[in-house]
Structure formats: C-alpha cells, structure tokens
C-alpha cells in the first residue's frame, strides 16, 4: 500500500497548503503514453488545460501518444518513434487494462517484464521525469461479469501491487487512478445517480477522466488547493489581496472588482452537487474560487455575481467567512460531433472563469484532432516516390502542430488577461423592514 499511502499524504499536504515540488516547468515537452484510455484525449487534455491556465506565460508542448488496444509490450515497440523522437522532458505512462486480458504466458501478458524494460528505456534516454499511472479498474459495481473478466479483475490486482512496489523502488511518482476511479464509482452509486460513468466497464467516461486528471495534478505537485481572494473594505476603499490602491466604494450601489489576477479555478466536469458524489477532494478543490470580504455590514445582505451570473445572496458575515464564486457555475459542455464550439472564447455573458475553461478545452480539442490526423502510422505507408518527400512531410506536420501549440498559448494569455468581474451589491431594503 506504499504508493497509495504516499499519494494520499501528498494530497493531504497539498490541501493543507504545503504542496510537494511541482513537476512541470516552463519549456517542458510532455508526452502521454498509453492505450485507448489515454487516446481518448480527455484526462490528458484536462491536465494540459490546468497547466496552461495556471501558467499562461509558459511555453510548453503536450503530445498524446496513446494507441487503442495497446499493452506495455506495444509501447516498447513504438517507443522510439512515438515518444523518444519527441525529445520529452516528462512522460506519463498508463497501461494494464489490455495486458490483463492476454492469456497467461503470452508476451502481451508479461506486464511486469515489459514495464520494467519500458522504464529502463526511458531512464536510459534521460527523460527528466516519468510519471506512472496505475491501471484503471474494471467496473465491478454492477458485478464482475463472466469468467474472462473475473480473471481480468484478479490480474489487475496483481498489476497494482507490482506498480506500487516498483514505483517505490525507482522513486517514481505513482498516480493511484485505480483507487480514485473506484472511489468515484462507489460514491456515485451511493448517491444513487442514474448515469453510468463507465458504460462498457473498461473506459472511464468524461466525469471519471476529470477525477483522473485531478489525481494526476495532486500527485505531481500541482497546487490543487482552492483559489482564494481576500477583499478588505475600509474607509471607503476595497482592496484586493492586500494590494496597493483599491477601488473606491461608499457602500451604496455595486462594488465591481476585476479579479483577473486571481489564480483561475478549474471546474472540469459536472455541476457542483453532482461532482461531490465523485468523492474526489482534489477535483472539488480545483474547481473552487473562494472569495472572502471583510469590512461589510454583518447583517446586511448582498447580491454577488461572477460576471453576469448570480452566485447567491449572502450576509456580510457570510462573505467575511468566504463563499465559492463557482458554486453556481455551469458544467463544461463537451464538444459535439461536428466541431468544438468556441463561442465561449468571446463570451461576455456567464461566469468568466467557466468560460475560460470551456474555451480552452475546445481549443485543445481542435488541436488534438489535428494531431490525430497527423500521427505517423497514417502516412508511413505512403510511397516515397520522390526521395526525401516523406521526411519533408513529417517535418511540415511537426511545424504545423507546433505552430498550433503557440497559437493556443497566445489565446490563453488573452483569455486570462481579459477582465474577470465580480460585483457585490447591497440588497434593497424591504418595505417595512
């Protein structure tokens, strides 16, 4: 249980305000290596979204190297082309679901041998940091299924023990996604939610990818504590986070504050009430923006809005204790079958931080689709009728997708720089009150 205990301790330290040393750095090239759970581009996109919104000035490259149906053996076979050729600084690795389904004694079932060789190769290539996600669960909340899948469940348990032992020996960050997803499934069932979070028992749905991303961020030293803003009202001025100057306010009419410099909250999935059923402290904490306002009339009630969306009506005493500006924010809407909707990128209505997340998620969706169409296996079979043609094509593809990365970075910087307005307005006195 060492891996899970270490990660739980890390998360507790993060939520207590003492995060471990962060994994990501400016300039990093990050590769996600995995099977179909990785190639879904969902938990990976949420990790990228989080890093980009919290560090908009950084220049980074994120590459999804997932391939459906793959095992650790398959990853070894394509490591040079799909991973090491990208000159990665950080590599995330997630395998096991397919490995656990192979017949005992087959090369595809040799997870322990293949993962050991894979980790050795990454170490020899001097990748700065390898992060290991343990094997996600087969959903047994509705029963273990037939004999084949009962064997798969038993084999996954063996892979988890190997992962914990080996990650501890190699001092690798081990992300306990199996435990996090299992807790979410059980919490969802206990809350009697009707939606099936893992329809085929193997592939996590979007909400569970949010849980996975939150667990990845917590394990790798990303600050998953809630974003916080403190406002002090004194002598006709409201000061944000102890800054200079302040906003003049007499107490009449709305107090309007631009909180664009606040750490952005990251509401991944689901409305707050549903997200609570997933039993993920990191997920809930990431999606929160706590506003505390001191100096208001304690019994006076105030209407609070984030952008144009009403957050709620609170007394001065409640605002002094702190309220979550994201409690009424809508859940992010996943891209439809045609294309990602980028209207939130220019939206002036709604919660500005929710709009940021929706905009960037959809921008990254488009970028990911471009990368998918340009994967090497789609073009490596083309005849090289003109010597050097394929090499020039591969170079053009790389330049193209990296130009899209740079464009995304510019869009993110513009997103976080635009006004993020919060208004606090005294409720009108009631007649006869």
Foldseek 3Di string as FASTA:
>chain_A
DQQVVVLVVQLVCLQVPRHDDFDDDAPFEEEEEEAVLQLVVFLQLLLVLQVCLQCLPGFYHYYYHYYHLDALQVCVVCVVPRPVVSVGQEYEYEHQLNLLLDDPPDPSVPRLVSVVVVVVVCVVSVNNAYAYEQYAAQDQPVHQDDPSSVSSRVSSVVSVVSCSVVCVVVVHNYQDLNVLQNLQQVLCVVVVDDDDQAVVSHHGHNLSSLSSSLSVCSSRRNNLAAWEWEWEDDPQFIDIPPDPDGHGHPQAFKDKDFVLVTRFAAQAFDAPVSNVSRVRPSNNRSRWYKAAYPDADQAFKKFKAWQQHTQDIGGNVVSNVIDTNCNPAGGADDADPPAQDQPLLVDRDGHLSSSLNNNLSRLVVVLSVLVVCLPCVNPVPPDCPDPPPVVVVNVVSVVVSSVSSVVSSVSSVVSSPDTGMMMIHTDDDDVVD
